[in-house]
């Protein structure tokens, strides 16, 4: 019997007209889907501290002090803010799969910690190392180098 492959979600990146510059990754969940004047309430500022070559910012959210750092996406990569499209992509007999549309794009992520200072050992900066590994693994090797890996 043939196994059905799970359907893939559709992502439309073409309408990303808004360049946010940077987005914030907060150490909490916010249950709100409506527009909010975030900049009226969340006001990050540089506190003059640098750790591991990373400039630290601070802000407060619901009375809790947050310390954050801005990380640029690697060259050749862009981040997107996606919204679930109201339509469903029907693919195969396994059912419906959601489709997404791009609403904005960004080049920088400011991540926030509430108990620790940002450092190069935090999960977000470390995850970008995997992009280098993925590129190395997926790079085509010329035939004269293949025998070294047998």
N, C-alpha and C. Protein backbone atom coordinates (compact mmCIF):
# COMPACT_ATOMS: atom_id res chain seq x y z
N UNK A 1 0.84 -1.19 0.00
CA UNK A 1 0.00 0.00 0.00
C UNK A 1 0.88 1.24 0.00
N UNK A 2 0.52 2.17 -0.78
CA UNK A 2 1.30 3.40 -0.92
C UNK A 2 0.98 4.37 0.22
N UNK A 3 2.04 4.91 0.83
CA UNK A 3 1.85 5.89 1.90
C UNK A 3 1.70 7.28 1.31
N UNK A 4 0.71 7.98 1.80
CA UNK A 4 0.48 9.35 1.32
C UNK A 4 1.45 10.29 2.02
N UNK A 5 2.04 11.20 1.26
CA UNK A 5 2.92 12.20 1.87
C UNK A 5 2.06 13.31 2.43
N UNK A 6 2.43 13.84 3.59
CA UNK A 6 1.63 14.92 4.15
C UNK A 6 1.68 16.15 3.26
N UNK A 7 0.56 16.82 3.11
CA UNK A 7 0.53 18.01 2.26
C UNK A 7 1.35 19.14 2.88
N UNK A 8 1.91 19.96 2.02
CA UNK A 8 2.72 21.10 2.47
C UNK A 8 1.86 22.36 2.53
N UNK A 9 2.17 23.21 3.46
CA UNK A 9 1.45 24.48 3.58
C UNK A 9 1.89 25.41 2.47
N UNK A 10 0.95 26.21 1.97
CA UNK A 10 1.27 27.19 0.95
C UNK A 10 1.65 28.51 1.59
N UNK A 11 2.72 29.13 1.09
CA UNK A 11 3.17 30.41 1.63
C UNK A 11 3.37 31.38 0.48
N UNK A 12 2.66 32.48 0.52
CA UNK A 12 2.78 33.52 -0.51
C UNK A 12 3.60 34.67 0.07
N UNK A 13 4.84 34.83 -0.40
CA UNK A 13 5.72 35.88 0.10
C UNK A 13 5.68 37.15 -0.72
N UNK A 14 4.91 37.16 -1.80
CA UNK A 14 4.93 38.32 -2.72
C UNK A 14 4.37 39.62 -2.15
N UNK A 15 3.32 39.63 -1.33
CA UNK A 15 2.76 40.93 -0.95
C UNK A 15 3.47 41.63 0.21
N UNK A 16 4.64 41.18 0.63
CA UNK A 16 5.33 41.81 1.77
C UNK A 16 5.80 43.21 1.40
N UNK A 17 4.97 44.20 1.64
CA UNK A 17 5.29 45.57 1.27
C UNK A 17 5.86 46.36 2.45
N UNK A 18 5.57 45.92 3.66
CA UNK A 18 5.99 46.65 4.85
C UNK A 18 7.33 46.10 5.32
N UNK A 19 8.33 46.96 5.45
CA UNK A 19 9.62 46.56 5.99
C UNK A 19 9.68 47.04 7.43
N UNK A 20 9.59 46.12 8.37
CA UNK A 20 9.58 46.48 9.78
C UNK A 20 10.97 46.83 10.30
N UNK A 21 12.00 46.43 9.59
CA UNK A 21 13.36 46.66 10.07
C UNK A 21 13.74 45.64 11.12
N UNK A 22 13.02 45.64 12.26
CA UNK A 22 13.26 44.65 13.29
C UNK A 22 11.96 44.24 13.97
N UNK A 23 11.98 43.05 14.54
CA UNK A 23 10.86 42.54 15.31
C UNK A 23 11.37 42.17 16.70
N UNK A 24 10.46 42.00 17.64
CA UNK A 24 10.81 41.67 19.02
C UNK A 24 10.31 40.28 19.35
N UNK A 25 11.16 39.50 20.01
CA UNK A 25 10.82 38.17 20.49
C UNK A 25 10.79 38.24 22.02
N UNK A 26 9.58 38.26 22.58
CA UNK A 26 9.40 38.41 24.02
C UNK A 26 9.33 37.05 24.71
N UNK A 27 9.77 36.98 25.97
CA UNK A 27 9.74 35.71 26.70
C UNK A 27 8.37 35.44 27.33
N UNK A 28 7.31 35.65 26.56
CA UNK A 28 5.95 35.45 27.08
C UNK A 28 5.01 35.30 25.89
N UNK A 29 3.79 34.92 26.19
CA UNK A 29 2.75 34.84 25.17
C UNK A 29 1.77 35.99 25.34
N UNK A 30 1.31 36.53 24.25
CA UNK A 30 0.34 37.63 24.28
C UNK A 30 -0.85 37.19 23.44
N UNK A 31 -2.00 37.12 24.06
CA UNK A 31 -3.20 36.67 23.35
C UNK A 31 -3.97 37.87 22.84
N UNK A 32 -3.51 38.39 21.71
CA UNK A 32 -4.17 39.53 21.10
C UNK A 32 -3.89 39.48 19.61
N UNK A 33 -4.91 39.58 18.80
CA UNK A 33 -4.75 39.56 17.35
C UNK A 33 -5.07 40.89 16.70
N UNK A 34 -5.37 41.89 17.50
CA UNK A 34 -5.75 43.17 16.93
C UNK A 34 -4.56 44.14 16.92
N UNK A 35 -4.72 45.22 16.21
CA UNK A 35 -3.67 46.24 16.13
C UNK A 35 -3.55 46.97 17.46
N UNK A 36 -2.32 47.21 17.88
CA UNK A 36 -2.05 47.89 19.15
C UNK A 36 -0.90 48.87 18.92
N UNK A 37 -0.96 50.01 19.56
CA UNK A 37 0.13 51.00 19.47
C UNK A 37 1.25 50.58 20.43
N UNK A 38 1.98 49.55 20.06
CA UNK A 38 3.00 48.97 20.93
C UNK A 38 4.05 50.00 21.33
N UNK A 39 4.45 50.85 20.41
CA UNK A 39 5.51 51.81 20.71
C UNK A 39 5.10 52.82 21.79
N UNK A 40 3.81 52.95 22.07
CA UNK A 40 3.36 53.83 23.15
C UNK A 40 3.66 53.22 24.52
N UNK A 41 3.77 51.90 24.58
CA UNK A 41 3.91 51.21 25.86
C UNK A 41 5.25 50.50 26.03
N UNK A 42 5.79 49.98 24.96
CA UNK A 42 7.04 49.21 25.01
C UNK A 42 8.14 50.07 24.42
N UNK A 43 9.03 50.60 25.29
CA UNK A 43 10.03 51.57 24.86
C UNK A 43 11.44 51.09 25.21
N UNK A 44 12.02 50.26 24.34
CA UNK A 44 13.40 49.80 24.59
C UNK A 44 14.38 50.96 24.53
N UNK A 45 15.44 50.85 25.36
CA UNK A 45 16.51 51.86 25.32
C UNK A 45 17.85 51.19 25.56
N UNK A 46 18.86 51.77 24.97
CA UNK A 46 20.22 51.27 25.13
C UNK A 46 20.68 51.61 26.55
N UNK A 47 21.18 50.60 27.28
CA UNK A 47 21.62 50.88 28.65
C UNK A 47 23.14 51.05 28.75
N UNK A 48 23.85 51.05 27.62
CA UNK A 48 25.28 51.28 27.62
C UNK A 48 26.13 50.08 27.99
N UNK A 49 25.52 48.93 28.23
CA UNK A 49 26.26 47.72 28.61
C UNK A 49 26.50 46.88 27.36
N UNK A 50 27.68 46.27 27.30
CA UNK A 50 28.01 45.36 26.21
C UNK A 50 28.55 44.06 26.80
N UNK A 51 27.96 42.93 26.39
CA UNK A 51 28.37 41.62 26.89
C UNK A 51 28.70 40.73 25.69
N UNK A 52 29.89 40.13 25.70
CA UNK A 52 30.32 39.26 24.59
C UNK A 52 30.22 39.97 23.24
N UNK A 53 30.47 41.26 23.21
CA UNK A 53 30.38 42.01 21.97
C UNK A 53 28.96 42.32 21.54
N UNK A 54 27.99 42.05 22.42
CA UNK A 54 26.58 42.29 22.11
C UNK A 54 26.09 43.49 22.91
N UNK A 55 25.54 44.48 22.23
CA UNK A 55 24.99 45.66 22.91
C UNK A 55 23.66 45.29 23.56
N UNK A 56 23.53 45.59 24.84
CA UNK A 56 22.34 45.21 25.60
C UNK A 56 21.37 46.39 25.68
N UNK A 57 20.09 46.10 25.46
CA UNK A 57 19.02 47.08 25.62
C UNK A 57 18.18 46.65 26.82
N UNK A 58 17.41 47.59 27.35
CA UNK A 58 16.48 47.22 28.41
C UNK A 58 15.14 47.87 28.18
N UNK A 59 14.12 47.21 28.71
CA UNK A 59 12.76 47.71 28.63
C UNK A 59 11.97 47.05 29.74
N UNK A 60 10.73 47.44 29.86
CA UNK A 60 9.85 46.85 30.86
C UNK A 60 8.57 46.42 30.17
N UNK A 61 8.06 45.26 30.58
CA UNK A 61 6.81 44.76 30.06
C UNK A 61 5.99 44.23 31.22
N UNK A 62 4.83 44.84 31.44
CA UNK A 62 3.95 44.49 32.56
C UNK A 62 4.71 44.48 33.89
N UNK A 63 5.56 45.49 34.06
CA UNK A 63 6.29 45.66 35.31
C UNK A 63 7.54 44.83 35.46
N UNK A 64 7.84 43.98 34.48
CA UNK A 64 9.04 43.14 34.56
C UNK A 64 10.14 43.72 33.69
N UNK A 65 11.33 43.78 34.26
CA UNK A 65 12.48 44.29 33.51
C UNK A 65 12.93 43.22 32.52
N UNK A 66 13.14 43.66 31.28
CA UNK A 66 13.64 42.79 30.22
C UNK A 66 14.97 43.33 29.73
N UNK A 67 15.88 42.42 29.41
CA UNK A 67 17.17 42.80 28.83
C UNK A 67 17.28 42.07 27.50
N UNK A 68 17.60 42.82 26.46
CA UNK A 68 17.59 42.23 25.14
C UNK A 68 18.78 42.62 24.30
N UNK A 69 18.88 41.95 23.17
CA UNK A 69 19.94 42.23 22.20
C UNK A 69 19.37 42.06 20.80
N UNK A 70 19.86 42.86 19.88
CA UNK A 70 19.41 42.80 18.50
C UNK A 70 20.40 41.97 17.69
N UNK A 71 19.85 41.02 16.93
CA UNK A 71 20.64 40.12 16.10
C UNK A 71 20.20 40.32 14.66
N UNK A 72 21.16 40.56 13.77
CA UNK A 72 20.85 40.69 12.35
C UNK A 72 20.74 39.30 11.73
N UNK A 73 19.80 39.15 10.81
CA UNK A 73 19.71 37.89 10.08
C UNK A 73 20.94 37.77 9.19
N UNK A 74 21.41 36.55 8.96
CA UNK A 74 22.59 36.38 8.10
C UNK A 74 22.35 36.89 6.69
N UNK A 75 23.44 37.22 6.00
CA UNK A 75 23.34 37.68 4.61
C UNK A 75 22.60 36.65 3.77
N UNK A 76 21.72 37.14 2.92
CA UNK A 76 20.96 36.26 2.05
C UNK A 76 19.66 35.74 2.66
N UNK A 77 19.37 36.10 3.91
CA UNK A 77 18.15 35.64 4.57
C UNK A 77 17.28 36.84 4.92
N UNK A 78 15.96 36.62 4.88
CA UNK A 78 14.99 37.63 5.30
C UNK A 78 13.97 36.94 6.19
N UNK A 79 13.45 37.68 7.15
CA UNK A 79 12.39 37.16 7.99
C UNK A 79 11.06 37.70 7.52
N UNK A 80 10.01 36.92 7.71
CA UNK A 80 8.68 37.33 7.29
C UNK A 80 7.69 37.19 8.43
N UNK A 81 6.75 38.11 8.49
CA UNK A 81 5.60 38.00 9.39
C UNK A 81 4.48 37.44 8.53
N UNK A 82 3.99 36.26 8.90
CA UNK A 82 2.97 35.57 8.11
C UNK A 82 1.61 35.64 8.79
N UNK A 83 0.58 35.66 7.96
CA UNK A 83 -0.78 35.61 8.47
C UNK A 83 -1.48 34.44 7.80
N UNK A 84 -2.26 33.72 8.59
CA UNK A 84 -3.00 32.60 8.03
C UNK A 84 -4.05 33.13 7.07
N UNK A 85 -4.03 32.58 5.88
CA UNK A 85 -4.99 32.98 4.85
C UNK A 85 -6.32 32.31 5.17
N UNK A 86 -7.42 32.96 4.89
CA UNK A 86 -8.74 32.40 5.16
C UNK A 86 -9.06 31.19 4.31
N UNK A 87 -8.38 31.06 3.19
CA UNK A 87 -8.64 29.95 2.27
C UNK A 87 -7.88 28.71 2.73
N UNK A 88 -8.33 27.57 2.29
CA UNK A 88 -7.65 26.31 2.57
C UNK A 88 -7.10 25.76 1.26
N UNK A 89 -5.88 25.22 1.33
CA UNK A 89 -5.33 24.51 0.18
C UNK A 89 -5.69 23.04 0.36
N UNK A 90 -6.46 22.51 -0.55
CA UNK A 90 -6.76 21.08 -0.44
C UNK A 90 -5.77 20.34 -1.30
N UNK A 91 -5.02 19.46 -0.66
CA UNK A 91 -3.99 18.71 -1.38
C UNK A 91 -4.09 17.25 -0.97
N UNK A 92 -4.55 16.43 -1.87
CA UNK A 92 -4.59 15.01 -1.59
C UNK A 92 -5.78 14.61 -0.75
N UNK A 93 -5.77 13.38 -0.31
CA UNK A 93 -6.90 12.84 0.42
C UNK A 93 -6.76 13.01 1.92
N UNK A 94 -5.62 13.49 2.40
CA UNK A 94 -5.40 13.62 3.83
C UNK A 94 -6.10 14.81 4.45
N UNK A 95 -6.63 15.70 3.66
CA UNK A 95 -7.37 16.81 4.23
C UNK A 95 -6.83 18.16 3.83
N UNK A 96 -7.22 19.14 4.63
CA UNK A 96 -6.90 20.52 4.33
C UNK A 96 -5.59 20.94 5.00
N UNK A 97 -4.92 21.85 4.36
CA UNK A 97 -3.70 22.43 4.90
C UNK A 97 -3.84 23.94 4.79
N UNK A 98 -3.43 24.63 5.81
CA UNK A 98 -3.55 26.09 5.81
C UNK A 98 -2.56 26.71 4.84
N UNK A 99 -2.93 27.86 4.34
CA UNK A 99 -2.01 28.64 3.52
C UNK A 99 -1.76 29.96 4.25
N UNK A 100 -0.62 30.57 3.95
CA UNK A 100 -0.20 31.78 4.63
C UNK A 100 0.17 32.84 3.62
N UNK A 101 0.03 34.10 4.04
CA UNK A 101 0.40 35.22 3.20
C UNK A 101 1.31 36.15 4.01
N UNK A 102 2.31 36.70 3.36
CA UNK A 102 3.26 37.58 4.04
C UNK A 102 2.65 38.95 4.26
N UNK A 103 2.79 39.48 5.46
CA UNK A 103 2.29 40.81 5.78
C UNK A 103 3.41 41.83 5.96
N UNK A 104 4.61 41.36 6.31
CA UNK A 104 5.74 42.27 6.51
C UNK A 104 7.02 41.44 6.48
N UNK A 105 8.14 42.13 6.34
CA UNK A 105 9.43 41.44 6.41
C UNK A 105 10.37 42.21 7.31
N UNK A 106 11.43 41.54 7.75
CA UNK A 106 12.37 42.16 8.67
C UNK A 106 13.76 41.60 8.46
N UNK A 107 14.77 42.33 8.93
CA UNK A 107 16.17 41.92 8.82
C UNK A 107 16.82 41.72 10.18
N UNK A 108 16.19 42.21 11.25
CA UNK A 108 16.77 42.12 12.59
C UNK A 108 15.74 41.60 13.59
N UNK A 109 16.20 40.84 14.57
CA UNK A 109 15.35 40.34 15.64
C UNK A 109 15.96 40.82 16.96
N UNK A 110 15.15 41.47 17.78
CA UNK A 110 15.58 41.80 19.13
C UNK A 110 14.92 40.79 20.06
N UNK A 111 15.75 39.97 20.70
CA UNK A 111 15.21 38.97 21.62
C UNK A 111 15.41 39.47 23.04
N UNK A 112 14.50 39.09 23.92
CA UNK A 112 14.47 39.61 25.28
C UNK A 112 14.52 38.48 26.30
N UNK A 113 15.33 38.67 27.33
CA UNK A 113 15.41 37.76 28.48
C UNK A 113 14.89 38.51 29.70
N UNK A 114 14.23 37.81 30.61
CA UNK A 114 13.80 38.52 31.82
C UNK A 114 14.60 38.13 33.05
N UNK A 115 15.39 37.09 32.99
CA UNK A 115 16.16 36.68 34.16
C UNK A 115 17.67 36.76 33.94
N UNK A 116 18.10 36.85 32.71
CA UNK A 116 19.53 36.83 32.41
C UNK A 116 19.90 37.90 31.39
N UNK A 117 21.18 38.27 31.41
CA UNK A 117 21.70 39.20 30.40
C UNK A 117 21.82 38.44 29.08
N UNK A 118 21.60 39.11 27.96
CA UNK A 118 21.81 38.46 26.66
C UNK A 118 23.28 38.09 26.49
N UNK A 119 23.52 36.98 25.80
CA UNK A 119 24.89 36.57 25.52
C UNK A 119 24.93 35.81 24.21
N UNK A 120 26.12 35.56 23.72
CA UNK A 120 26.29 34.81 22.48
C UNK A 120 25.86 33.36 22.65
N UNK A 121 25.68 32.90 23.88
CA UNK A 121 25.28 31.52 24.15
C UNK A 121 23.76 31.36 24.25
N UNK A 122 23.00 32.42 24.06
CA UNK A 122 21.54 32.31 24.08
C UNK A 122 21.07 31.51 22.86
N UNK A 123 19.92 30.85 22.97
CA UNK A 123 19.45 30.00 21.86
C UNK A 123 19.27 30.71 20.52
N UNK A 124 18.77 31.94 20.52
CA UNK A 124 18.53 32.60 19.23
C UNK A 124 19.83 32.87 18.46
N UNK A 125 20.84 33.50 19.06
CA UNK A 125 22.08 33.68 18.28
C UNK A 125 22.73 32.35 17.87
N UNK A 126 22.61 31.35 18.73
CA UNK A 126 23.21 30.05 18.41
C UNK A 126 22.51 29.35 17.27
N UNK A 127 21.21 29.58 17.08
CA UNK A 127 20.49 28.88 16.01
C UNK A 127 20.99 29.28 14.63
N UNK A 128 21.56 30.47 14.51
CA UNK A 128 22.07 30.89 13.21
C UNK A 128 23.30 30.09 12.77
N UNK A 129 23.97 29.42 13.70
CA UNK A 129 25.09 28.56 13.34
C UNK A 129 24.62 27.38 12.47
N UNK A 130 23.38 26.96 12.69
CA UNK A 130 22.84 25.84 11.91
C UNK A 130 22.67 26.21 10.45
N UNK A 131 22.48 27.48 10.15
CA UNK A 131 22.36 27.89 8.75
C UNK A 131 23.67 27.63 8.01
N UNK A 132 24.78 27.89 8.66
CA UNK A 132 26.09 27.63 8.06
C UNK A 132 26.27 26.13 7.81
N UNK A 133 25.88 25.33 8.79
CA UNK A 133 25.99 23.87 8.66
C UNK A 133 25.08 23.38 7.53
N UNK A 134 23.84 23.88 7.49
CA UNK A 134 22.90 23.47 6.44
C UNK A 134 23.42 23.83 5.06
N UNK A 135 24.01 25.01 4.92
CA UNK A 135 24.58 25.40 3.63
C UNK A 135 25.74 24.51 3.24
N UNK A 136 26.58 24.16 4.21
CA UNK A 136 27.73 23.30 3.92
C UNK A 136 27.28 21.90 3.51
N UNK A 137 26.27 21.37 4.17
CA UNK A 137 25.79 20.02 3.88
C UNK A 137 25.09 19.97 2.53
N UNK A 138 24.40 21.02 2.16
CA UNK A 138 23.64 21.00 0.92
C UNK A 138 24.42 21.52 -0.28
N UNK A 139 25.65 21.93 -0.08
CA UNK A 139 26.47 22.44 -1.18
C UNK A 139 26.93 21.27 -2.06
N UNK A 140 26.88 21.47 -3.35
CA UNK A 140 27.31 20.47 -4.31
C UNK A 140 28.83 20.32 -4.25
N UNK A 141 29.29 19.09 -4.16
CA UNK A 141 30.73 18.82 -4.19
C UNK A 141 31.15 18.44 -5.60
N UNK A 142 32.26 19.00 -6.09
CA UNK A 142 32.76 18.61 -7.41
C UNK A 142 33.20 17.13 -7.38
N UNK A 143 33.11 16.46 -8.51
CA UNK A 143 33.45 15.02 -8.55
C UNK A 143 34.85 14.69 -8.04
N UNK A 144 35.82 15.59 -8.23
CA UNK A 144 37.19 15.27 -7.78
C UNK A 144 37.33 15.30 -6.25
N UNK A 145 36.35 15.87 -5.53
CA UNK A 145 36.40 15.87 -4.07
C UNK A 145 35.56 14.76 -3.44
N UNK A 146 34.70 14.14 -4.22
CA UNK A 146 33.78 13.13 -3.68
C UNK A 146 34.54 11.96 -3.10
N UNK A 147 35.65 11.54 -3.70
CA UNK A 147 36.36 10.34 -3.22
C UNK A 147 36.90 10.53 -1.80
N UNK A 148 37.09 11.76 -1.32
CA UNK A 148 37.55 11.98 0.04
C UNK A 148 36.50 11.60 1.09
N UNK A 149 35.25 11.59 0.69
CA UNK A 149 34.17 11.34 1.63
C UNK A 149 33.60 9.93 1.55
N UNK A 150 34.22 9.05 0.79
CA UNK A 150 33.72 7.67 0.67
C UNK A 150 34.26 6.80 1.77
